[in-house]
Amino acid sequence: MFRTGHWYHFITAGFFLLFGGFLLIFNPEFKGINAGIFGTVLILWGLFRGLNGYLLLRRKKREESQ
C-alpha cells in the first residue's frame, strides 16, 4: 500500500488552497461550472488535506517520543 507522509499532505493542501483562491479571485468562465463554488470546494479540500498533514505530523512526533 502506498503511504503518504505529512509533506505530501502539506504540499497538496497548498496547491488546492492556491488554485481555489485563484478561482475565487479571478472567477474565470468555464462551460457549465460555477468557478465560485468550485473554488470554495477546493479551498475546503485544501483545509482538510492540511489538517490530515498536521495530524500525521503530530502522530509521527508522538511515536518518536515514545
C-alpha atoms as a PDB file:
ATOM      1  CA  MET A   1       0.000   0.000   0.000  1.00  0.00           C
ATOM      2  CA  PHE A   2       1.230   3.479  -0.844  1.00  0.00           C
ATOM      3  CA  ARG A   3       1.807   5.504   2.308  1.00  0.00           C
ATOM      4  CA  THR A   4       1.939   9.254   2.144  1.00  0.00           C
ATOM      5  CA  GLY A   5       3.703  11.462   4.627  1.00  0.00           C
ATOM      6  CA  HIS A   6       2.875  14.797   6.127  1.00  0.00           C
ATOM      7  CA  TRP A   7       4.861  16.728   3.499  1.00  0.00           C
ATOM      8  CA  TYR A   8       2.705  15.280   0.728  1.00  0.00           C
ATOM      9  CA  HIS A   9      -0.419  16.488   2.520  1.00  0.00           C
ATOM     10  CA  PHE A  10       1.034  19.961   3.169  1.00  0.00           C
ATOM     11  CA  ILE A  11       2.156  20.403  -0.467  1.00  0.00           C
ATOM     12  CA  THR A  12      -1.148  19.256  -1.929  1.00  0.00           C
ATOM     13  CA  ALA A  13      -3.052  21.395   0.592  1.00  0.00           C
ATOM     14  CA  GLY A  14      -1.083  24.429  -0.573  1.00  0.00           C
ATOM     15  CA  PHE A  15      -1.846  23.625  -4.202  1.00  0.00           C
ATOM     16  CA  PHE A  16      -5.581  23.258  -3.553  1.00  0.00           C
ATOM     17  CA  LEU A  17      -5.689  26.452  -1.475  1.00  0.00           C
ATOM     18  CA  LEU A  18      -3.838  28.470  -4.123  1.00  0.00           C
ATOM     19  CA  PHE A  19      -5.906  27.164  -7.016  1.00  0.00           C
ATOM     20  CA  GLY A  20      -9.171  27.620  -5.108  1.00  0.00           C
ATOM     21  CA  GLY A  21      -8.162  31.177  -4.213  1.00  0.00           C
ATOM     22  CA  PHE A  22      -7.309  31.849  -7.846  1.00  0.00           C
ATOM     23  CA  LEU A  23     -10.759  30.679  -8.899  1.00  0.00           C
ATOM     24  CA  LEU A  24     -12.461  32.838  -6.281  1.00  0.00           C
ATOM     25  CA  ILE A  25     -10.444  35.967  -7.082  1.00  0.00           C
ATOM     26  CA  PHE A  26     -10.341  35.864 -10.885  1.00  0.00           C
ATOM     27  CA  ASN A  27     -13.562  33.850 -11.445  1.00  0.00           C
ATOM     28  CA  PRO A  28     -12.778  32.604 -14.974  1.00  0.00           C
ATOM     29  CA  GLU A  29     -15.559  31.493 -17.302  1.00  0.00           C
ATOM     30  CA  PHE A  30     -15.982  27.727 -17.568  1.00  0.00           C
ATOM     31  CA  LYS A  31     -18.688  25.998 -19.554  1.00  0.00           C
ATOM     32  CA  GLY A  32     -21.278  24.774 -17.073  1.00  0.00           C
ATOM     33  CA  ILE A  33     -19.044  25.083 -13.992  1.00  0.00           C
ATOM     34  CA  ASN A  34     -19.532  27.821 -11.418  1.00  0.00           C
ATOM     35  CA  ALA A  35     -15.961  28.890 -10.554  1.00  0.00           C
ATOM     36  CA  GLY A  36     -17.016  30.345  -7.186  1.00  0.00           C
ATOM     37  CA  ILE A  37     -18.499  27.099  -5.920  1.00  0.00           C
ATOM     38  CA  PHE A  38     -15.660  25.023  -7.371  1.00  0.00           C
ATOM     39  CA  GLY A  39     -13.083  27.351  -5.782  1.00  0.00           C
ATOM     40  CA  THR A  40     -14.820  27.077  -2.412  1.00  0.00           C
ATOM     41  CA  VAL A  41     -14.825  23.274  -2.633  1.00  0.00           C
ATOM     42  CA  LEU A  42     -11.108  23.286  -3.489  1.00  0.00           C
ATOM     43  CA  ILE A  43     -10.322  25.542  -0.529  1.00  0.00           C
ATOM     44  CA  LEU A  44     -12.293  23.278   1.822  1.00  0.00           C
ATOM     45  CA  TRP A  45     -10.482  20.240   0.406  1.00  0.00           C
ATOM     46  CA  GLY A  46      -7.142  22.017   0.891  1.00  0.00           C
ATOM     47  CA  LEU A  47      -8.007  22.744   4.531  1.00  0.00           C
ATOM     48  CA  PHE A  48      -8.921  19.084   5.004  1.00  0.00           C
ATOM     49  CA  ARG A  49      -5.602  17.986   3.458  1.00  0.00           C
ATOM     50  CA  GLY A  50      -3.715  20.406   5.699  1.00  0.00           C
ATOM     51  CA  LEU A  51      -5.487  19.035   8.770  1.00  0.00           C
ATOM     52  CA  ASN A  52      -4.573  15.487   7.735  1.00  0.00           C
ATOM     53  CA  GLY A  53      -0.952  16.546   7.319  1.00  0.00           C
ATOM     54  CA  TYR A  54      -0.936  18.157  10.748  1.00  0.00           C
ATOM     55  CA  LEU A  55      -2.428  15.053  12.356  1.00  0.00           C
ATOM     56  CA  LEU A  56       0.133  12.824  10.618  1.00  0.00           C
ATOM     57  CA  LEU A  57       2.970  15.065  11.811  1.00  0.00           C
ATOM     58  CA  ARG A  58       1.615  15.048  15.358  1.00  0.00           C
ATOM     59  CA  ARG A  59       1.290  11.247  15.334  1.00  0.00           C
ATOM     60  CA  LYS A  60       4.836  10.887  13.984  1.00  0.00           C
ATOM     61  CA  LYS A  61       6.261  13.126  16.722  1.00  0.00           C
ATOM     62  CA  ARG A  62       4.301  11.242  19.370  1.00  0.00           C
ATOM     63  CA  GLU A  63       5.625   7.883  18.111  1.00  0.00           C
ATOM     64  CA  GLU A  64       9.206   9.193  18.041  1.00  0.00           C
ATOM     65  CA  SER A  65       8.997  10.436  21.641  1.00  0.00           C
ATOM     66  CA  GLN A  66       7.906   7.057  22.989  1.00  0.00           C
END
